[in-house]
Amino acid sequence: MRTRNSETKAIQQISERLKSCYTTTEPATVDAAVRTARDNRLESRIRDYVPIFIERQARTTLDASGEHRQSPRDQ
């Protein structure tokens, strides 16, 4: 089972990873997408996969808002 500290660290890493992918997006916008995704998972009883779900939901939110994702080849 994932501890709160390791989950918090994983969510911070997700935020940093998304900021490096969505370079034309304000960092605060990325943080807000991650925070919203995290808030939607607060009541999840099985915590092991929560970071994966948070990253997927945040990416979906950013993509739906028209934010440009930089591909690894563009970096």
Protein backbone atom coordinates (compact mmCIF):
# COMPACT_ATOMS: atom_id res chain seq x y z
CA MET A 1 0.00 0.00 0.00
CA ARG A 2 1.24 3.45 -0.89
CA THR A 3 1.96 5.84 1.97
CA ARG A 4 0.77 9.45 1.94
CA ASN A 5 4.37 10.70 1.64
CA SER A 6 5.14 8.57 -1.40
CA GLU A 7 1.81 9.52 -2.95
CA THR A 8 2.53 13.23 -2.39
CA LYS A 9 5.97 12.82 -3.96
CA ALA A 10 4.48 10.97 -6.94
CA ILE A 11 1.92 13.76 -7.45
CA GLN A 12 4.68 16.39 -7.35
CA GLN A 13 6.58 14.40 -9.97
CA ILE A 14 3.45 14.23 -12.12
CA SER A 15 3.09 18.00 -11.93
CA GLU A 16 6.72 18.53 -12.96
CA ARG A 17 6.43 15.98 -15.78
CA LEU A 18 3.29 17.64 -17.14
CA LYS A 19 4.91 21.09 -16.96
CA SER A 20 7.75 19.79 -19.12
CA CYS A 21 5.24 18.35 -21.61
CA TYR A 22 2.92 21.38 -21.70
CA THR A 23 5.59 24.06 -22.05
CA THR A 24 3.23 26.66 -23.51
CA THR A 25 0.83 26.27 -20.59
CA GLU A 26 1.10 28.38 -17.47
CA PRO A 27 2.52 26.28 -14.62
CA ALA A 28 -0.41 27.35 -12.44
CA THR A 29 -2.81 25.86 -15.01
CA VAL A 30 -0.98 22.54 -14.90
CA ASP A 31 -0.96 22.62 -11.10
CA ALA A 32 -4.70 23.33 -11.09
CA ALA A 33 -5.39 20.37 -13.40
CA VAL A 34 -3.33 18.07 -11.16
CA ARG A 35 -5.01 19.44 -8.01
CA THR A 36 -8.49 18.91 -9.47
CA ALA A 37 -7.60 15.38 -10.53
CA ARG A 38 -6.20 14.68 -7.05
CA ASP A 39 -9.30 16.09 -5.37
CA ASN A 40 -11.46 13.74 -7.45
CA ARG A 41 -9.53 10.78 -6.00
CA LEU A 42 -9.43 11.77 -2.32
CA GLU A 43 -12.00 9.15 -1.35
CA SER A 44 -10.38 6.28 -3.26
CA ARG A 45 -9.89 3.37 -0.91
CA ILE A 46 -7.18 1.66 -2.93
CA ARG A 47 -4.40 4.25 -3.22
CA ASP A 48 -1.81 2.32 -5.27
CA TYR A 49 -3.03 3.50 -8.65
CA VAL A 50 -4.19 6.99 -7.67
CA PRO A 51 -1.14 8.78 -9.19
CA ILE A 52 -1.74 7.06 -12.52
CA PHE A 53 -5.38 8.14 -12.55
CA ILE A 54 -4.41 11.67 -11.54
CA GLU A 55 -1.93 12.00 -14.40
CA ARG A 56 -4.38 10.62 -16.95
CA GLN A 57 -7.17 12.93 -15.81
CA ALA A 58 -4.88 15.97 -15.75
CA ARG A 59 -3.62 15.22 -19.28
CA THR A 60 -7.19 14.78 -20.50
CA THR A 61 -8.17 18.11 -18.92
CA LEU A 62 -5.20 19.94 -20.44
CA ASP A 63 -5.74 18.37 -23.87
CA ALA A 64 -9.46 19.20 -23.80
CA SER A 65 -8.72 22.83 -22.97
CA GLY A 66 -6.65 23.11 -26.14
CA GLU A 67 -3.31 23.20 -24.38
CA HIS A 68 -0.42 22.18 -26.61
CA ARG A 69 1.51 19.12 -25.54
CA GLN A 70 5.12 19.10 -26.66
CA SER A 71 6.20 15.74 -27.97
CA PRO A 72 9.57 14.34 -26.91
CA ARG A 73 10.85 14.98 -30.45
CA ASP A 74 10.04 18.70 -30.10
CA GLN A 75 12.19 19.08 -26.99
